[in-house]
Amino acid sequence: MNRLALLLIFLYQKIVSPILPPACRFTPSCSEYAKEAFQTYSFFKAFGMSLRRISRCHPLHEGGFDPLPKPTNKS
């Protein structure tokens, strides 16, 4: 399922994003954050992280630098 999510993000970045004005309030962009999340975490974890990030991307949030958290190794 991660591969499908990555394909959808790729299509968004190549087809939809170029025709829209830049609006993301974060660095890295929300789509780049989601791409990294799906490359690093399981589908459900990445989906939740991406959804939380996108829900904060609006004019009332200050935005700024918000990198993907590093995975923790719980032994």
PDB file of N, CA and C in Angstrom:
ATOM      1  N   MET A   1       0.827  -1.198   0.000  1.00  0.00           N
ATOM      2  CA  MET A   1       0.000   0.000   0.000  1.00  0.00           C
ATOM      3  C   MET A   1       0.866   1.255   0.000  1.00  0.00           C
ATOM      4  N   ASN A   2       2.074   1.141   0.574  1.00  0.00           N
ATOM      5  CA  ASN A   2       2.967   2.295   0.568  1.00  0.00           C
ATOM      6  C   ASN A   2       3.339   2.679  -0.863  1.00  0.00           C
ATOM      7  N   ARG A   3       3.516   1.677  -1.727  1.00  0.00           N
ATOM      8  CA  ARG A   3       3.885   1.972  -3.114  1.00  0.00           C
ATOM      9  C   ARG A   3       2.774   2.738  -3.823  1.00  0.00           C
ATOM     10  N   LEU A   4       1.528   2.384  -3.554  1.00  0.00           N
ATOM     11  CA  LEU A   4       0.401   3.098  -4.147  1.00  0.00           C
ATOM     12  C   LEU A   4       0.362   4.538  -3.635  1.00  0.00           C
ATOM     13  N   ALA A   5       0.561   4.716  -2.342  1.00  0.00           N
ATOM     14  CA  ALA A   5       0.580   6.063  -1.764  1.00  0.00           C
ATOM     15  C   ALA A   5       1.702   6.893  -2.382  1.00  0.00           C
ATOM     16  N   LEU A   6       2.874   6.289  -2.547  1.00  0.00           N
ATOM     17  CA  LEU A   6       4.001   7.003  -3.154  1.00  0.00           C
ATOM     18  C   LEU A   6       3.707   7.364  -4.607  1.00  0.00           C
ATOM     19  N   LEU A   7       3.028   6.483  -5.330  1.00  0.00           N
ATOM     20  CA  LEU A   7       2.644   6.786  -6.707  1.00  0.00           C
ATOM     21  C   LEU A   7       1.679   7.970  -6.751  1.00  0.00           C
ATOM     22  N   LEU A   8       0.702   7.982  -5.859  1.00  0.00           N
ATOM     23  CA  LEU A   8      -0.262   9.089  -5.819  1.00  0.00           C
ATOM     24  C   LEU A   8       0.422  10.409  -5.468  1.00  0.00           C
ATOM     25  N   ILE A   9       1.362  10.372  -4.543  1.00  0.00           N
ATOM     26  CA  ILE A   9       2.110  11.580  -4.181  1.00  0.00           C
ATOM     27  C   ILE A   9       2.939  12.047  -5.373  1.00  0.00           C
ATOM     28  N   PHE A  10       3.588  11.112  -6.061  1.00  0.00           N
ATOM     29  CA  PHE A  10       4.382  11.441  -7.245  1.00  0.00           C
ATOM     30  C   PHE A  10       3.508  12.128  -8.299  1.00  0.00           C
ATOM     31  N   LEU A  11       2.334  11.557  -8.568  1.00  0.00           N
ATOM     32  CA  LEU A  11       1.424  12.148  -9.554  1.00  0.00           C
ATOM     33  C   LEU A  11       0.973  13.537  -9.119  1.00  0.00           C
ATOM     34  N   TYR A  12       0.675  13.705  -7.846  1.00  0.00           N
ATOM     35  CA  TYR A  12       0.297  15.021  -7.330  1.00  0.00           C
ATOM     36  C   TYR A  12       1.429  16.021  -7.560  1.00  0.00           C
ATOM     37  N   GLN A  13       2.671  15.626  -7.219  1.00  0.00           N
ATOM     38  CA  GLN A  13       3.806  16.535  -7.344  1.00  0.00           C
ATOM     39  C   GLN A  13       4.094  16.900  -8.801  1.00  0.00           C
ATOM     40  N   LYS A  14       3.874  15.985  -9.727  1.00  0.00           N
ATOM     41  CA  LYS A  14       4.194  16.228 -11.140  1.00  0.00           C
ATOM     42  C   LYS A  14       3.054  16.850 -11.936  1.00  0.00           C
ATOM     43  N   ILE A  15       1.804  16.581 -11.549  1.00  0.00           N
ATOM     44  CA  ILE A  15       0.674  17.040 -12.356  1.00  0.00           C
ATOM     45  C   ILE A  15      -0.107  18.168 -11.686  1.00  0.00           C
ATOM     46  N   VAL A  16      -0.476  17.989 -10.432  1.00  0.00           N
ATOM     47  CA  VAL A  16      -1.349  18.956  -9.755  1.00  0.00           C
ATOM     48  C   VAL A  16      -0.559  20.132  -9.186  1.00  0.00           C
ATOM     49  N   SER A  17       0.490  19.847  -8.460  1.00  0.00           N
ATOM     50  CA  SER A  17       1.248  20.890  -7.770  1.00  0.00           C
ATOM     51  C   SER A  17       1.777  21.994  -8.694  1.00  0.00           C
ATOM     52  N   PRO A  18       2.283  21.672  -9.896  1.00  0.00           N
ATOM     53  CA  PRO A  18       2.794  22.746 -10.757  1.00  0.00           C
ATOM     54  C   PRO A  18       1.740  23.758 -11.208  1.00  0.00           C
ATOM     55  N   ILE A  19       0.470  23.375 -11.227  1.00  0.00           N
ATOM     56  CA  ILE A  19      -0.552  24.320 -11.690  1.00  0.00           C
ATOM     57  C   ILE A  19      -1.172  25.124 -10.548  1.00  0.00           C
ATOM     58  N   LEU A  20      -0.835  24.777  -9.308  1.00  0.00           N
ATOM     59  CA  LEU A  20      -1.345  25.512  -8.150  1.00  0.00           C
ATOM     60  C   LEU A  20      -0.282  26.478  -7.634  1.00  0.00           C
ATOM     61  N   PRO A  21      -0.701  27.607  -7.080  1.00  0.00           N
ATOM     62  CA  PRO A  21       0.297  28.502  -6.486  1.00  0.00           C
ATOM     63  C   PRO A  21       0.892  27.862  -5.228  1.00  0.00           C
ATOM     64  N   PRO A  22       2.164  28.143  -4.929  1.00  0.00           N
ATOM     65  CA  PRO A  22       2.772  27.584  -3.711  1.00  0.00           C
ATOM     66  C   PRO A  22       2.001  28.048  -2.476  1.00  0.00           C
ATOM     67  N   ALA A  23       1.557  27.109  -1.657  1.00  0.00           N
ATOM     68  CA  ALA A  23       0.750  27.476  -0.496  1.00  0.00           C
ATOM     69  C   ALA A  23       1.177  26.772   0.782  1.00  0.00           C
ATOM     70  N   CYS A  24       2.086  25.808   0.692  1.00  0.00           N
ATOM     71  CA  CYS A  24       2.471  25.062   1.885  1.00  0.00           C
ATOM     72  C   CYS A  24       3.219  25.978   2.844  1.00  0.00           C
ATOM     73  N   ARG A  25       2.881  25.888   4.117  1.00  0.00           N
ATOM     74  CA  ARG A  25       3.463  26.754   5.128  1.00  0.00           C
ATOM     75  C   ARG A  25       4.663  26.108   5.809  1.00  0.00           C
ATOM     76  N   PHE A  26       5.003  24.903   5.387  1.00  0.00           N
ATOM     77  CA  PHE A  26       6.056  24.144   6.051  1.00  0.00           C
ATOM     78  C   PHE A  26       7.235  23.871   5.129  1.00  0.00           C
ATOM     79  N   THR A  27       8.356  23.587   5.761  1.00  0.00           N
ATOM     80  CA  THR A  27       9.540  23.071   5.084  1.00  0.00           C
ATOM     81  C   THR A  27       9.925  21.801   5.807  1.00  0.00           C
ATOM     82  N   PRO A  28      10.059  20.680   5.147  1.00  0.00           N
ATOM     83  CA  PRO A  28       9.740  20.405   3.749  1.00  0.00           C
ATOM     84  C   PRO A  28       8.238  20.506   3.490  1.00  0.00           C
ATOM     85  N   SER A  29       7.878  20.597   2.216  1.00  0.00           N
ATOM     86  CA  SER A  29       6.462  20.726   1.859  1.00  0.00           C
ATOM     87  C   SER A  29       5.670  19.521   2.370  1.00  0.00           C
ATOM     88  N   CYS A  30       4.374  19.676   2.454  1.00  0.00           N
ATOM     89  CA  CYS A  30       3.524  18.591   2.966  1.00  0.00           C
ATOM     90  C   CYS A  30       3.623  17.340   2.098  1.00  0.00           C
ATOM     91  N   SER A  31       3.702  17.510   0.782  1.00  0.00           N
ATOM     92  CA  SER A  31       3.808  16.327  -0.079  1.00  0.00           C
ATOM     93  C   SER A  31       5.168  15.654   0.082  1.00  0.00           C
ATOM     94  N   GLU A  32       6.217  16.429   0.275  1.00  0.00           N
ATOM     95  CA  GLU A  32       7.544  15.846   0.500  1.00  0.00           C
ATOM     96  C   GLU A  32       7.589  15.135   1.852  1.00  0.00           C
ATOM     97  N   TYR A  33       6.957  15.727   2.855  1.00  0.00           N
ATOM     98  CA  TYR A  33       6.857  15.111   4.184  1.00  0.00           C
ATOM     99  C   TYR A  33       6.131  13.769   4.089  1.00  0.00           C
ATOM    100  N   ALA A  34       5.006  13.757   3.371  1.00  0.00           N
ATOM    101  CA  ALA A  34       4.235  12.522   3.209  1.00  0.00           C
ATOM    102  C   ALA A  34       5.052  11.471   2.462  1.00  0.00           C
ATOM    103  N   LYS A  35       5.769  11.889   1.431  1.00  0.00           N
ATOM    104  CA  LYS A  35       6.605  10.951   0.675  1.00  0.00           C
ATOM    105  C   LYS A  35       7.653  10.312   1.583  1.00  0.00           C
ATOM    106  N   GLU A  36       8.319  11.121   2.379  1.00  0.00           N
ATOM    107  CA  GLU A  36       9.319  10.597   3.316  1.00  0.00           C
ATOM    108  C   GLU A  36       8.676   9.664   4.344  1.00  0.00           C
ATOM    109  N   ALA A  37       7.487  10.027   4.816  1.00  0.00           N
ATOM    110  CA  ALA A  37       6.793   9.200   5.807  1.00  0.00           C
ATOM    111  C   ALA A  37       6.479   7.818   5.238  1.00  0.00           C
ATOM    112  N   PHE A  38       5.975   7.774   4.000  1.00  0.00           N
ATOM    113  CA  PHE A  38       5.640   6.483   3.397  1.00  0.00           C
ATOM    114  C   PHE A  38       6.886   5.675   3.041  1.00  0.00           C
ATOM    115  N   GLN A  39       8.011   6.331   2.856  1.00  0.00           N
ATOM    116  CA  GLN A  39       9.267   5.616   2.602  1.00  0.00           C
ATOM    117  C   GLN A  39       9.875   5.075   3.891  1.00  0.00           C
ATOM    118  N   THR A  40       9.495   5.644   5.033  1.00  0.00           N
ATOM    119  CA  THR A  40      10.130   5.311   6.306  1.00  0.00           C
ATOM    120  C   THR A  40       9.268   4.433   7.209  1.00  0.00           C
ATOM    121  N   TYR A  41       7.972   4.699   7.253  1.00  0.00           N
ATOM    122  CA  TYR A  41       7.077   4.053   8.212  1.00  0.00           C
ATOM    123  C   TYR A  41       6.075   3.134   7.525  1.00  0.00           C
ATOM    124  N   SER A  42       5.354   2.360   8.333  1.00  0.00           N
ATOM    125  CA  SER A  42       4.278   1.519   7.810  1.00  0.00           C
ATOM    126  C   SER A  42       3.170   2.411   7.248  1.00  0.00           C
ATOM    127  N   PHE A  43       2.283   1.820   6.456  1.00  0.00           N
ATOM    128  CA  PHE A  43       1.236   2.595   5.802  1.00  0.00           C
ATOM    129  C   PHE A  43       0.395   3.389   6.796  1.00  0.00           C
ATOM    130  N   PHE A  44      -0.109   2.734   7.834  1.00  0.00           N
ATOM    131  CA  PHE A  44      -1.026   3.403   8.757  1.00  0.00           C
ATOM    132  C   PHE A  44      -0.331   4.491   9.566  1.00  0.00           C
ATOM    133  N   LYS A  45       0.898   4.252   9.980  1.00  0.00           N
ATOM    134  CA  LYS A  45       1.661   5.271  10.715  1.00  0.00           C
ATOM    135  C   LYS A  45       1.926   6.463   9.793  1.00  0.00           C
ATOM    136  N   ALA A  46       2.379   6.195   8.571  1.00  0.00           N
ATOM    137  CA  ALA A  46       2.674   7.262   7.618  1.00  0.00           C
ATOM    138  C   ALA A  46       1.411   8.038   7.251  1.00  0.00           C
ATOM    139  N   PHE A  47       0.298   7.331   7.077  1.00  0.00           N
ATOM    140  CA  PHE A  47      -0.966   7.988   6.743  1.00  0.00           C
ATOM    141  C   PHE A  47      -1.385   8.930   7.865  1.00  0.00           C
ATOM    142  N   GLY A  48      -1.304   8.470   9.100  1.00  0.00           N
ATOM    143  CA  GLY A  48      -1.663   9.310  10.244  1.00  0.00           C
ATOM    144  C   GLY A  48      -0.764  10.528  10.370  1.00  0.00           C
ATOM    145  N   MET A  49       0.538  10.332  10.204  1.00  0.00           N
ATOM    146  CA  MET A  49       1.478  11.453  10.292  1.00  0.00           C
ATOM    147  C   MET A  49       1.203  12.472   9.187  1.00  0.00           C
ATOM    148  N   SER A  50       0.949  11.981   7.983  1.00  0.00           N
ATOM    149  CA  SER A  50       0.682  12.865   6.847  1.00  0.00           C
ATOM    150  C   SER A  50      -0.619  13.630   7.043  1.00  0.00           C
ATOM    151  N   LEU A  51      -1.635  12.944   7.523  1.00  0.00           N
ATOM    152  CA  LEU A  51      -2.927  13.585   7.761  1.00  0.00           C
ATOM    153  C   LEU A  51      -2.820  14.683   8.819  1.00  0.00           C
ATOM    154  N   ARG A  52      -2.088  14.404   9.905  1.00  0.00           N
ATOM    155  CA  ARG A  52      -1.889  15.429  10.941  1.00  0.00           C
ATOM    156  C   ARG A  52      -1.144  16.634  10.381  1.00  0.00           C
ATOM    157  N   ARG A  53      -0.135  16.376   9.568  1.00  0.00           N
ATOM    158  CA  ARG A  53       0.644  17.467   8.983  1.00  0.00           C
ATOM    159  C   ARG A  53      -0.218  18.315   8.054  1.00  0.00           C
ATOM    160  N   ILE A  54      -0.958  17.672   7.161  1.00  0.00           N
ATOM    161  CA  ILE A  54      -1.795  18.406   6.211  1.00  0.00           C
ATOM    162  C   ILE A  54      -2.883  19.191   6.938  1.00  0.00           C
ATOM    163  N   SER A  55      -3.402  18.649   8.033  1.00  0.00           N
ATOM    164  CA  SER A  55      -4.453  19.358   8.779  1.00  0.00           C
ATOM    165  C   SER A  55      -3.925  20.622   9.458  1.00  0.00           C
ATOM    166  N   ARG A  56      -2.618  20.712   9.661  1.00  0.00           N
ATOM    167  CA  ARG A  56      -2.030  21.917  10.260  1.00  0.00           C
ATOM    168  C   ARG A  56      -1.612  22.948   9.210  1.00  0.00           C
ATOM    169  N   CYS A  57      -1.692  22.597   7.943  1.00  0.00           N
ATOM    170  CA  CYS A  57      -1.231  23.479   6.867  1.00  0.00           C
ATOM    171  C   CYS A  57      -2.374  24.397   6.427  1.00  0.00           C
ATOM    172  N   HIS A  58      -2.542  25.480   7.159  1.00  0.00           N
ATOM    173  CA  HIS A  58      -3.587  26.458   6.862  1.00  0.00           C
ATOM    174  C   HIS A  58      -3.104  27.839   7.307  1.00  0.00           C
ATOM    175  N   PRO A  59      -3.760  28.901   6.867  1.00  0.00           N
ATOM    176  CA  PRO A  59      -3.288  30.257   7.158  1.00  0.00           C
ATOM    177  C   PRO A  59      -3.207  30.622   8.640  1.00  0.00           C
ATOM    178  N   LEU A  60      -3.931  29.940   9.507  1.00  0.00           N
ATOM    179  CA  LEU A  60      -3.890  30.287  10.922  1.00  0.00           C
ATOM    180  C   LEU A  60      -2.735  29.620  11.665  1.00  0.00           C
ATOM    181  N   HIS A  61      -2.027  28.718  11.011  1.00  0.00           N
ATOM    182  CA  HIS A  61      -0.870  28.051  11.624  1.00  0.00           C
ATOM    183  C   HIS A  61       0.393  28.723  11.112  1.00  0.00           C
ATOM    184  N   GLU A  62       1.357  28.906  11.998  1.00  0.00           N
ATOM    185  CA  GLU A  62       2.580  29.618  11.609  1.00  0.00           C
ATOM    186  C   GLU A  62       3.459  28.836  10.645  1.00  0.00           C
ATOM    187  N   GLY A  63       3.352  27.513  10.604  1.00  0.00           N
ATOM    188  CA  GLY A  63       4.184  26.719   9.704  1.00  0.00           C
ATOM    189  C   GLY A  63       5.629  26.700  10.169  1.00  0.00           C
ATOM    190  N   GLY A  64       6.566  26.699   9.227  1.00  0.00           N
ATOM    191  CA  GLY A  64       7.985  26.702   9.547  1.00  0.00           C
ATOM    192  C   GLY A  64       8.638  25.363   9.271  1.00  0.00           C
ATOM    193  N   PHE A  65       9.819  25.167   9.853  1.00  0.00           N
ATOM    194  CA  PHE A  65      10.582  23.935   9.647  1.00  0.00           C
ATOM    195  C   PHE A  65       9.994  22.829  10.503  1.00  0.00           C
ATOM    196  N   ASP A  66       9.566  21.751   9.870  1.00  0.00           N
ATOM    197  CA  ASP A  66       8.933  20.628  10.563  1.00  0.00           C
ATOM    198  C   ASP A  66       9.337  19.329   9.876  1.00  0.00           C
ATOM    199  N   PRO A  67      10.549  18.834  10.150  1.00  0.00           N
ATOM    200  CA  PRO A  67      11.001  17.610   9.489  1.00  0.00           C
ATOM    201  C   PRO A  67      10.298  16.373  10.028  1.00  0.00           C
ATOM    202  N   LEU A  68      10.373  15.313   9.262  1.00  0.00           N
ATOM    203  CA  LEU A  68       9.829  14.024   9.688  1.00  0.00           C
ATOM    204  C   LEU A  68      10.628  13.526  10.884  1.00  0.00           C
ATOM    205  N   PRO A  69       9.962  13.086  11.959  1.00  0.00           N
ATOM    206  CA  PRO A  69      10.707  12.553  13.104  1.00  0.00           C
ATOM    207  C   PRO A  69      11.446  11.271  12.729  1.00  0.00           C
ATOM    208  N   LYS A  70      12.593  11.094  13.325  1.00  0.00           N
ATOM    209  CA  LYS A  70      13.378   9.873  13.099  1.00  0.00           C
ATOM    210  C   LYS A  70      12.675   8.707  13.779  1.00  0.00           C
ATOM    211  N   PRO A  71      12.695   7.533  13.146  1.00  0.00           N
ATOM    212  CA  PRO A  71      12.094   6.360  13.793  1.00  0.00           C
ATOM    213  C   PRO A  71      12.860   6.005  15.070  1.00  0.00           C
ATOM    214  N   THR A  72      12.127   5.591  16.086  1.00  0.00           N
ATOM    215  CA  THR A  72      12.776   5.171  17.328  1.00  0.00           C
ATOM    216  C   THR A  72      12.892   3.662  17.325  1.00  0.00           C
ATOM    217  N   ASN A  73      14.005   3.173  17.812  1.00  0.00           N
ATOM    218  CA  ASN A  73      14.221   1.724  17.909  1.00  0.00           C
ATOM    219  C   ASN A  73      13.900   1.276  19.316  1.00  0.00           C
ATOM    220  N   LYS A  74      12.727   0.691  19.478  1.00  0.00           N
ATOM    221  CA  LYS A  74      12.329   0.182  20.792  1.00  0.00           C
ATOM    222  C   LYS A  74      12.698  -1.290  20.850  1.00  0.00           C
ATOM    223  N   SER A  75      13.581  -1.640  21.771  1.00  0.00           N
ATOM    224  CA  SER A  75      14.013  -3.035  21.881  1.00  0.00           C
ATOM    225  C   SER A  75      13.359  -3.710  23.057  1.00  0.00           C
TER     226      SER A  75
END
